[in-house]
Amino acid sequence: MITIKSEREIELMRESGRLTAMVLDMLETEIMPGMTTKRLDEMAEAFIRDHHAVPSFLNYAPKGDPDVTPYPATLCVSLNEEVVHGVPSPKRVIREGDIVSVDCGVYKGGYHGDSARTYVIGDIDRHVQQLVDVTRESLERGIEQAVEGNRLHDISAAVEEHARSFGFSIIENMVGHGIGSELHEDPAVPNYGKRHTGVKLREGMALAIEPMIAIGRSRRAVSKRGGWVAVTEDGKPSAHFEHTVIVRKGAAEVLTRSLLDRTAS
């Protein structure tokens, strides 16, 4: 069931969204070669708790799937060919030339914020840099379609069209989602689709739009290492950006924009 958020609920979501953006801003200033993904996770958890909130992902378990172990960390930190759900580890070291996708969720005031960014570590291959840039742009194209009166798959098609125009692949079995008092709510928000199809968008819908896009021919993410981390089928790099947005008339309201004094990511 898709819920329409009241203005009071949206105000509470603004706070959780703002704090989610603050975590990612903090990590952006701290991430560097030689750091472990576990260290990033520790920093994020401390920051969230210092702001009187709770990590959304820590101990999260999908409903209706008793075989999946609850997620053991605050962040998902996915390197290079890892698409999503990379579990932080003291043995996983960030190196020069990596791309690092960090997904963060914050629960505060009864509502969740959810956002992801892919960070570039030092000098990277030009094609990989293009992947990161196009994935970020694809998210913005999707957000432009999150307005009242459009259809859900107008968002999906906008993401797909932009990514494929550069020869990149959509990871089709990983999707965005509704969000609110639950981290994952209806509807699912695919990153591919046909325009003018899907449910009609109404003001007050809250969506987490999150393109996951890869170099190469991968169309699916394959689960590895304990059932959480998902990697590309062919081992080539993947990037991930996400924002929590509210469907509005005319233009979507983005709740998780960067607060850094530069172009928001």
C-alpha atoms as a PDB file:
ATOM      1  CA  MET A   1       0.000   0.000   0.000  1.00  0.00           C
ATOM      2  CA  ILE A   2       1.363   3.394  -1.013  1.00  0.00           C
ATOM      3  CA  THR A   3       0.999   6.035   1.683  1.00  0.00           C
ATOM      4  CA  ILE A   4       0.660   9.775   1.172  1.00  0.00           C
ATOM      5  CA  LYS A   5       2.632  11.709   3.772  1.00  0.00           C
ATOM      6  CA  SER A   6       1.087  14.653   5.584  1.00  0.00           C
ATOM      7  CA  GLU A   7       2.988  17.928   5.847  1.00  0.00           C
ATOM      8  CA  ARG A   8       3.711  17.080   9.487  1.00  0.00           C
ATOM      9  CA  GLU A   9       5.232  13.759   8.456  1.00  0.00           C
ATOM     10  CA  ILE A  10       7.241  15.433   5.700  1.00  0.00           C
ATOM     11  CA  GLU A  11       8.647  17.909   8.206  1.00  0.00           C
ATOM     12  CA  LEU A  12       9.877  14.989  10.324  1.00  0.00           C
ATOM     13  CA  MET A  13      11.342  13.354   7.215  1.00  0.00           C
ATOM     14  CA  ARG A  14      13.194  16.581   6.412  1.00  0.00           C
ATOM     15  CA  GLU A  15      15.091  16.181   9.674  1.00  0.00           C
ATOM     16  CA  SER A  16      16.039  12.541   9.071  1.00  0.00           C
ATOM     17  CA  GLY A  17      16.938  13.383   5.473  1.00  0.00           C
ATOM     18  CA  ARG A  18      19.075  16.339   6.505  1.00  0.00           C
ATOM     19  CA  LEU A  19      20.960  14.204   9.022  1.00  0.00           C
ATOM     20  CA  THR A  20      21.521  11.503   6.395  1.00  0.00           C
ATOM     21  CA  ALA A  21      23.074  14.130   4.122  1.00  0.00           C
ATOM     22  CA  MET A  22      25.230  15.389   6.991  1.00  0.00           C
ATOM     23  CA  VAL A  23      26.645  11.884   7.535  1.00  0.00           C
ATOM     24  CA  LEU A  24      27.600  11.568   3.870  1.00  0.00           C
ATOM     25  CA  ASP A  25      29.090  15.071   3.864  1.00  0.00           C
ATOM     26  CA  MET A  26      31.202  14.179   6.897  1.00  0.00           C
ATOM     27  CA  LEU A  27      32.436  10.980   5.253  1.00  0.00           C
ATOM     28  CA  GLU A  28      33.257  12.859   2.065  1.00  0.00           C
ATOM     29  CA  THR A  29      35.726  15.021   3.990  1.00  0.00           C
ATOM     30  CA  GLU A  30      37.278  12.037   5.790  1.00  0.00           C
ATOM     31  CA  ILE A  31      37.496   9.184   3.281  1.00  0.00           C
ATOM     32  CA  MET A  32      41.014   8.500   2.002  1.00  0.00           C
ATOM     33  CA  PRO A  33      43.314   5.712   0.795  1.00  0.00           C
ATOM     34  CA  GLY A  34      44.404   3.351   3.561  1.00  0.00           C
ATOM     35  CA  MET A  35      41.182   3.692   5.531  1.00  0.00           C
ATOM     36  CA  THR A  36      39.172   0.555   6.208  1.00  0.00           C
ATOM     37  CA  THR A  37      35.483   0.357   5.393  1.00  0.00           C
ATOM     38  CA  LYS A  38      34.935  -0.557   9.057  1.00  0.00           C
ATOM     39  CA  ARG A  39      36.433   2.768  10.120  1.00  0.00           C
ATOM     40  CA  LEU A  40      33.939   4.617   7.895  1.00  0.00           C
ATOM     41  CA  ASP A  41      31.150   2.649   9.528  1.00  0.00           C
ATOM     42  CA  GLU A  42      32.333   3.485  13.046  1.00  0.00           C
ATOM     43  CA  MET A  43      32.517   7.182  12.201  1.00  0.00           C
ATOM     44  CA  ALA A  44      29.018   7.159  10.725  1.00  0.00           C
ATOM     45  CA  GLU A  45      27.440   5.352  13.668  1.00  0.00           C
ATOM     46  CA  ALA A  46      29.053   7.703  16.186  1.00  0.00           C
ATOM     47  CA  PHE A  47      27.897  10.740  14.204  1.00  0.00           C
ATOM     48  CA  ILE A  48      24.301   9.488  13.954  1.00  0.00           C
ATOM     49  CA  ARG A  49      24.060   8.630  17.648  1.00  0.00           C
ATOM     50  CA  ASP A  50      25.651  11.946  18.634  1.00  0.00           C
ATOM     51  CA  HIS A  51      22.735  13.594  16.817  1.00  0.00           C
ATOM     52  CA  HIS A  52      20.191  11.584  18.832  1.00  0.00           C
ATOM     53  CA  ALA A  53      19.212   9.301  15.969  1.00  0.00           C
ATOM     54  CA  VAL A  54      19.530   5.617  15.084  1.00  0.00           C
ATOM     55  CA  PRO A  55      21.171   3.917  12.064  1.00  0.00           C
ATOM     56  CA  SER A  56      18.380   2.594   9.831  1.00  0.00           C
ATOM     57  CA  PHE A  57      20.394  -0.310   8.438  1.00  0.00           C
ATOM     58  CA  LEU A  58      21.889  -1.741  11.618  1.00  0.00           C
ATOM     59  CA  ASN A  59      20.185  -5.082  12.374  1.00  0.00           C
ATOM     60  CA  TYR A  60      17.794  -4.595   9.458  1.00  0.00           C
ATOM     61  CA  ALA A  61      16.253  -7.826   8.165  1.00  0.00           C
ATOM     62  CA  PRO A  62      13.953  -8.081   5.130  1.00  0.00           C
ATOM     63  CA  LYS A  63      10.430  -9.010   6.114  1.00  0.00           C
ATOM     64  CA  GLY A  64       9.340 -12.484   5.058  1.00  0.00           C
ATOM     65  CA  ASP A  65      12.880 -13.806   4.519  1.00  0.00           C
ATOM     66  CA  PRO A  66      13.975 -15.686   7.658  1.00  0.00           C
ATOM     67  CA  ASP A  67      17.090 -17.056   5.925  1.00  0.00           C
ATOM     68  CA  VAL A  68      18.769 -13.644   5.694  1.00  0.00           C
ATOM     69  CA  THR A  69      20.965 -12.670   8.646  1.00  0.00           C
ATOM     70  CA  PRO A  70      20.172  -9.156   9.976  1.00  0.00           C
ATOM     71  CA  TYR A  71      22.449  -6.533   8.445  1.00  0.00           C
ATOM     72  CA  PRO A  72      25.400  -6.037  10.823  1.00  0.00           C
ATOM     73  CA  ALA A  73      26.451  -2.437  10.160  1.00  0.00           C
ATOM     74  CA  THR A  74      25.421   1.216   9.936  1.00  0.00           C
ATOM     75  CA  LEU A  75      26.572   1.761   6.351  1.00  0.00           C
ATOM     76  CA  CYS A  76      26.677  -0.222   3.160  1.00  0.00           C
ATOM     77  CA  VAL A  77      30.160   0.381   1.709  1.00  0.00           C
ATOM     78  CA  SER A  78      30.608  -1.101  -1.755  1.00  0.00           C
ATOM     79  CA  LEU A  79      33.886  -0.933  -3.672  1.00  0.00           C
ATOM     80  CA  ASN A  80      34.336  -1.048  -7.445  1.00  0.00           C
ATOM     81  CA  GLU A  81      32.465  -4.135  -8.753  1.00  0.00           C
ATOM     82  CA  GLU A  82      30.292  -4.272  -5.607  1.00  0.00           C
ATOM     83  CA  VAL A  83      26.902  -2.829  -6.525  1.00  0.00           C
ATOM     84  CA  VAL A  84      25.270  -2.510  -3.088  1.00  0.00           C
ATOM     85  CA  HIS A  85      25.232  -3.880   0.466  1.00  0.00           C
ATOM     86  CA  GLY A  86      28.979  -4.122   0.939  1.00  0.00           C
ATOM     87  CA  VAL A  87      29.431  -5.020   4.620  1.00  0.00           C
ATOM     88  CA  PRO A  88      32.106  -2.888   6.332  1.00  0.00           C
ATOM     89  CA  SER A  89      35.145  -4.862   7.465  1.00  0.00           C
ATOM     90  CA  PRO A  90      38.460  -4.093   9.188  1.00  0.00           C
ATOM     91  CA  LYS A  91      40.090  -6.149   6.416  1.00  0.00           C
ATOM     92  CA  ARG A  92      38.572  -4.166   3.527  1.00  0.00           C
ATOM     93  CA  VAL A  93      40.998  -1.323   2.771  1.00  0.00           C
ATOM     94  CA  ILE A  94      40.177   1.618   0.468  1.00  0.00           C
ATOM     95  CA  ARG A  95      42.914   2.198  -2.096  1.00  0.00           C
ATOM     96  CA  GLU A  96      43.922   4.858  -4.581  1.00  0.00           C
ATOM     97  CA  GLY A  97      41.913   4.415  -7.772  1.00  0.00           C
ATOM     98  CA  ASP A  98      38.866   2.859  -6.076  1.00  0.00           C
ATOM     99  CA  ILE A  99      35.314   4.065  -6.360  1.00  0.00           C
ATOM    100  CA  VAL A 100      33.427   3.666  -3.091  1.00  0.00           C
ATOM    101  CA  SER A 101      29.622   3.646  -2.966  1.00  0.00           C
ATOM    102  CA  VAL A 102      28.328   4.524   0.488  1.00  0.00           C
ATOM    103  CA  ASP A 103      24.645   4.024   1.328  1.00  0.00           C
ATOM    104  CA  CYS A 104      23.352   5.486   4.599  1.00  0.00           C
ATOM    105  CA  GLY A 105      20.004   5.432   6.363  1.00  0.00           C
ATOM    106  CA  VAL A 106      19.014   7.457   9.435  1.00  0.00           C
ATOM    107  CA  TYR A 107      15.952   6.961  11.640  1.00  0.00           C
ATOM    108  CA  LYS A 108      14.892   9.982  13.648  1.00  0.00           C
ATOM    109  CA  GLY A 109      11.537  11.230  14.870  1.00  0.00           C
ATOM    110  CA  GLY A 110       9.809   8.083  13.668  1.00  0.00           C
ATOM    111  CA  TYR A 111      10.899   8.423  10.020  1.00  0.00           C
ATOM    112  CA  HIS A 112      13.771   7.329   7.814  1.00  0.00           C
ATOM    113  CA  GLY A 113      16.104   9.149   5.464  1.00  0.00           C
ATOM    114  CA  ASP A 114      18.054   7.167   2.853  1.00  0.00           C
ATOM    115  CA  SER A 115      20.797   8.365   0.517  1.00  0.00           C
ATOM    116  CA  ALA A 116      23.872   7.085  -1.313  1.00  0.00           C
ATOM    117  CA  ARG A 117      26.889   8.580  -3.042  1.00  0.00           C
ATOM    118  CA  THR A 118      29.822   7.122  -4.931  1.00  0.00           C
ATOM    119  CA  TYR A 119      33.135   8.674  -3.909  1.00  0.00           C
ATOM    120  CA  VAL A 120      36.160   8.765  -6.202  1.00  0.00           C
ATOM    121  CA  ILE A 121      39.472   7.999  -4.475  1.00  0.00           C
ATOM    122  CA  GLY A 122      42.360   9.780  -6.171  1.00  0.00           C
ATOM    123  CA  ASP A 123      42.978   9.364  -9.888  1.00  0.00           C
ATOM    124  CA  ILE A 124      40.741   6.840 -11.619  1.00  0.00           C
ATOM    125  CA  ASP A 125      40.217   5.503 -15.123  1.00  0.00           C
ATOM    126  CA  ARG A 126      38.449   8.024 -17.383  1.00  0.00           C
ATOM    127  CA  HIS A 127      35.673   5.572 -18.273  1.00  0.00           C
ATOM    128  CA  VAL A 128      35.029   4.842 -14.590  1.00  0.00           C
ATOM    129  CA  GLN A 129      34.842   8.575 -13.880  1.00  0.00           C
ATOM    130  CA  GLN A 130      32.279   8.858 -16.660  1.00  0.00           C
ATOM    131  CA  LEU A 131      30.294   6.028 -15.038  1.00  0.00           C
ATOM    132  CA  VAL A 132      30.186   7.924 -11.736  1.00  0.00           C
ATOM    133  CA  ASP A 133      29.177  11.185 -13.424  1.00  0.00           C
ATOM    134  CA  VAL A 134      26.460   9.588 -15.550  1.00  0.00           C
ATOM    135  CA  THR A 135      25.006   7.697 -12.571  1.00  0.00           C
ATOM    136  CA  ARG A 136      24.723  10.958 -10.624  1.00  0.00           C
ATOM    137  CA  GLU A 137      23.139  12.640 -13.654  1.00  0.00           C
ATOM    138  CA  SER A 138      20.716   9.726 -14.098  1.00  0.00           C
ATOM    139  CA  LEU A 139      19.477  10.243 -10.555  1.00  0.00           C
ATOM    140  CA  GLU A 140      18.796  13.900 -11.313  1.00  0.00           C
ATOM    141  CA  ARG A 141      16.932  12.953 -14.496  1.00  0.00           C
ATOM    142  CA  GLY A 142      14.758  10.606 -12.457  1.00  0.00           C
ATOM    143  CA  ILE A 143      14.087  13.232  -9.787  1.00  0.00           C
ATOM    144  CA  GLU A 144      12.898  15.664 -12.471  1.00  0.00           C
ATOM    145  CA  GLN A 145      10.075  13.231 -13.235  1.00  0.00           C
ATOM    146  CA  ALA A 146       8.923  12.834  -9.609  1.00  0.00           C
ATOM    147  CA  VAL A 147       6.075  15.324  -9.923  1.00  0.00           C
ATOM    148  CA  GLU A 148       2.346  15.012  -9.396  1.00  0.00           C
ATOM    149  CA  GLY A 149       0.506  13.739 -12.455  1.00  0.00           C
ATOM    150  CA  ASN A 150       3.410  11.773 -13.903  1.00  0.00           C
ATOM    151  CA  ARG A 151       3.605   7.989 -13.756  1.00  0.00           C
ATOM    152  CA  LEU A 152       6.062   6.029 -11.654  1.00  0.00           C
ATOM    153  CA  HIS A 153       7.871   4.604 -14.659  1.00  0.00           C
ATOM    154  CA  ASP A 154       8.503   8.088 -16.031  1.00  0.00           C
ATOM    155  CA  ILE A 155      11.150   8.180 -13.293  1.00  0.00           C
ATOM    156  CA  SER A 156      12.438   4.753 -14.298  1.00  0.00           C
ATOM    157  CA  ALA A 157      12.587   5.566 -18.004  1.00  0.00           C
ATOM    158  CA  ALA A 158      14.437   8.842 -17.418  1.00  0.00           C
ATOM    159  CA  VAL A 159      17.146   7.011 -15.460  1.00  0.00           C
ATOM    160  CA  GLU A 160      17.429   4.249 -18.048  1.00  0.00           C
ATOM    161  CA  GLU A 161      17.496   6.492 -21.091  1.00  0.00           C
ATOM    162  CA  HIS A 162      20.308   8.648 -19.763  1.00  0.00           C
ATOM    163  CA  ALA A 163      22.467   5.730 -18.601  1.00  0.00           C
ATOM    164  CA  ARG A 164      22.028   3.678 -21.750  1.00  0.00           C
ATOM    165  CA  SER A 165      22.784   6.672 -23.980  1.00  0.00           C
ATOM    166  CA  PHE A 166      26.379   6.402 -22.708  1.00  0.00           C
ATOM    167  CA  GLY A 167      26.532   2.627 -23.184  1.00  0.00           C
ATOM    168  CA  PHE A 168      26.171   1.719 -19.514  1.00  0.00           C
ATOM    169  CA  SER A 169      24.048  -1.102 -18.081  1.00  0.00           C
ATOM    170  CA  ILE A 170      21.181  -0.901 -15.614  1.00  0.00           C
ATOM    171  CA  ILE A 171      21.311  -3.321 -12.681  1.00  0.00           C
ATOM    172  CA  GLU A 172      17.735  -4.508 -13.108  1.00  0.00           C
ATOM    173  CA  ASN A 173      17.263  -6.611  -9.984  1.00  0.00           C
ATOM    174  CA  MET A 174      18.054  -3.746  -7.596  1.00  0.00           C
ATOM    175  CA  VAL A 175      15.437  -1.008  -7.244  1.00  0.00           C
ATOM    176  CA  GLY A 176      14.473   2.063  -5.280  1.00  0.00           C
ATOM    177  CA  HIS A 177      11.491   2.126  -2.962  1.00  0.00           C
ATOM    178  CA  GLY A 178       8.937   4.069  -1.020  1.00  0.00           C
ATOM    179  CA  ILE A 179      10.086   5.315   2.364  1.00  0.00           C
ATOM    180  CA  GLY A 180       8.639   6.809   5.537  1.00  0.00           C
ATOM    181  CA  SER A 181       8.027   5.281   8.956  1.00  0.00           C
ATOM    182  CA  GLU A 182       9.377   2.081   7.389  1.00  0.00           C
ATOM    183  CA  LEU A 183      12.699   2.005   5.570  1.00  0.00           C
ATOM    184  CA  HIS A 184      11.235   0.104   2.636  1.00  0.00           C
ATOM    185  CA  GLU A 185       7.646   0.847   1.641  1.00  0.00           C
ATOM    186  CA  ASP A 186       5.617   0.568  -1.542  1.00  0.00           C
ATOM    187  CA  PRO A 187       6.125   1.235  -4.373  1.00  0.00           C
ATOM    188  CA  ALA A 188       9.250  -0.364  -5.817  1.00  0.00           C
ATOM    189  CA  VAL A 189      11.033   2.167  -8.060  1.00  0.00           C
ATOM    190  CA  PRO A 190      12.874   0.377 -10.897  1.00  0.00           C
ATOM    191  CA  ASN A 191      15.684   2.038 -12.839  1.00  0.00           C
ATOM    192  CA  TYR A 192      14.257   0.963 -16.185  1.00  0.00           C
ATOM    193  CA  GLY A 193      10.768   1.119 -17.627  1.00  0.00           C
ATOM    194  CA  LYS A 194       8.330   2.460 -20.174  1.00  0.00           C
ATOM    195  CA  ARG A 195       7.153   6.041 -19.943  1.00  0.00           C
ATOM    196  CA  HIS A 196       3.509   6.743 -19.086  1.00  0.00           C
ATOM    197  CA  THR A 197       3.137   3.456 -17.190  1.00  0.00           C
ATOM    198  CA  GLY A 198       3.038   2.573 -13.500  1.00  0.00           C
ATOM    199  CA  VAL A 199       1.050   4.151 -10.711  1.00  0.00           C
ATOM    200  CA  LYS A 200       0.114   7.799 -10.976  1.00  0.00           C
ATOM    201  CA  LEU A 201       2.285  10.009  -8.793  1.00  0.00           C
ATOM    202  CA  ARG A 202       0.510  12.061  -6.137  1.00  0.00           C
ATOM    203  CA  GLU A 203       1.817  14.910  -4.032  1.00  0.00           C
ATOM    204  CA  GLY A 204       3.100  13.619  -0.705  1.00  0.00           C
ATOM    205  CA  MET A 205       4.460  10.303  -1.958  1.00  0.00           C
ATOM    206  CA  ALA A 206       7.933   9.697  -0.490  1.00  0.00           C
ATOM    207  CA  LEU A 207      10.380   7.818  -2.724  1.00  0.00           C
ATOM    208  CA  ALA A 208      13.993   6.696  -2.476  1.00  0.00           C
ATOM    209  CA  ILE A 209      15.243   6.886  -6.066  1.00  0.00           C
ATOM    210  CA  GLU A 210      18.560   5.085  -6.517  1.00  0.00           C
ATOM    211  CA  PRO A 211      20.200   4.310  -9.863  1.00  0.00           C
ATOM    212  CA  MET A 212      22.707   1.451  -9.766  1.00  0.00           C
ATOM    213  CA  ILE A 213      24.583   1.499 -13.059  1.00  0.00           C
ATOM    214  CA  ALA A 214      27.512  -0.537 -14.354  1.00  0.00           C
ATOM    215  CA  ILE A 215      30.179  -0.646 -17.016  1.00  0.00           C
ATOM    216  CA  GLY A 216      29.932  -3.725 -19.202  1.00  0.00           C
ATOM    217  CA  ARG A 217      27.049  -6.065 -19.805  1.00  0.00           C
ATOM    218  CA  SER A 218      25.883  -6.828 -16.267  1.00  0.00           C
ATOM    219  CA  ARG A 219      22.106  -6.647 -15.901  1.00  0.00           C
ATOM    220  CA  ARG A 220      21.919  -8.322 -12.497  1.00  0.00           C
ATOM    221  CA  ALA A 221      23.748  -8.057  -9.208  1.00  0.00           C
ATOM    222  CA  VAL A 222      24.884 -11.420  -7.840  1.00  0.00           C
ATOM    223  CA  SER A 223      24.966 -12.003  -4.070  1.00  0.00           C
ATOM    224  CA  LYS A 224      28.315 -12.946  -2.541  1.00  0.00           C
ATOM    225  CA  ARG A 225      29.981 -13.234   0.859  1.00  0.00           C
ATOM    226  CA  GLY A 226      27.251 -14.147   3.324  1.00  0.00           C
ATOM    227  CA  GLY A 227      24.271 -13.157   1.223  1.00  0.00           C
ATOM    228  CA  TRP A 228      24.438  -9.376   1.600  1.00  0.00           C
ATOM    229  CA  VAL A 229      27.007  -7.858  -0.756  1.00  0.00           C
ATOM    230  CA  ALA A 230      25.924  -7.878  -4.405  1.00  0.00           C
ATOM    231  CA  VAL A 231      28.475  -7.662  -7.238  1.00  0.00           C
ATOM    232  CA  THR A 232      28.265  -7.220 -11.000  1.00  0.00           C
ATOM    233  CA  GLU A 233      28.021 -10.402 -13.054  1.00  0.00           C
ATOM    234  CA  ASP A 234      31.173  -9.611 -15.034  1.00  0.00           C
ATOM    235  CA  GLY A 235      33.245  -8.045 -12.249  1.00  0.00           C
ATOM    236  CA  LYS A 236      33.276  -4.569 -13.814  1.00  0.00           C
ATOM    237  CA  PRO A 237      32.696  -1.371 -11.796  1.00  0.00           C
ATOM    238  CA  SER A 238      29.289  -0.132 -10.680  1.00  0.00           C
ATOM    239  CA  ALA A 239      28.177   3.227  -9.235  1.00  0.00           C
ATOM    240  CA  HIS A 240      25.254   4.143  -6.978  1.00  0.00           C
ATOM    241  CA  PHE A 241      23.555   7.423  -6.091  1.00  0.00           C
ATOM    242  CA  GLU A 242      20.331   7.864  -4.123  1.00  0.00           C
ATOM    243  CA  HIS A 243      18.097  10.593  -2.749  1.00  0.00           C
ATOM    244  CA  THR A 244      14.953  10.583  -0.648  1.00  0.00           C
ATOM    245  CA  VAL A 245      12.392  12.786  -2.398  1.00  0.00           C
ATOM    246  CA  ILE A 246       8.827  13.975  -1.911  1.00  0.00           C
ATOM    247  CA  VAL A 247       6.569  14.126  -4.957  1.00  0.00           C
ATOM    248  CA  ARG A 248       5.328  17.684  -5.392  1.00  0.00           C
ATOM    249  CA  LYS A 249       3.511  19.769  -7.987  1.00  0.00           C
ATOM    250  CA  GLY A 250       5.981  21.241 -10.460  1.00  0.00           C
ATOM    251  CA  ALA A 251       9.212  19.926  -8.918  1.00  0.00           C
ATOM    252  CA  ALA A 252      10.124  17.218  -6.423  1.00  0.00           C
ATOM    253  CA  GLU A 253      11.407  18.144  -2.968  1.00  0.00           C
ATOM    254  CA  VAL A 254      14.754  16.458  -2.288  1.00  0.00           C
ATOM    255  CA  LEU A 255      15.326  15.770   1.416  1.00  0.00           C
ATOM    256  CA  THR A 256      18.906  14.472   1.292  1.00  0.00           C
ATOM    257  CA  ARG A 257      20.852  17.116  -0.646  1.00  0.00           C
ATOM    258  CA  SER A 258      24.437  17.726   0.355  1.00  0.00           C
ATOM    259  CA  LEU A 259      24.903  20.629   2.742  1.00  0.00           C
ATOM    260  CA  LEU A 260      28.471  21.263   1.564  1.00  0.00           C
ATOM    261  CA  ASP A 261      29.140  24.596  -0.088  1.00  0.00           C
ATOM    262  CA  ARG A 262      29.373  23.282  -3.634  1.00  0.00           C
ATOM    263  CA  THR A 263      27.239  21.561  -6.245  1.00  0.00           C
ATOM    264  CA  ALA A 264      25.046  19.057  -4.391  1.00  0.00           C
ATOM    265  CA  SER A 265      25.606  15.374  -5.035  1.00  0.00           C
END
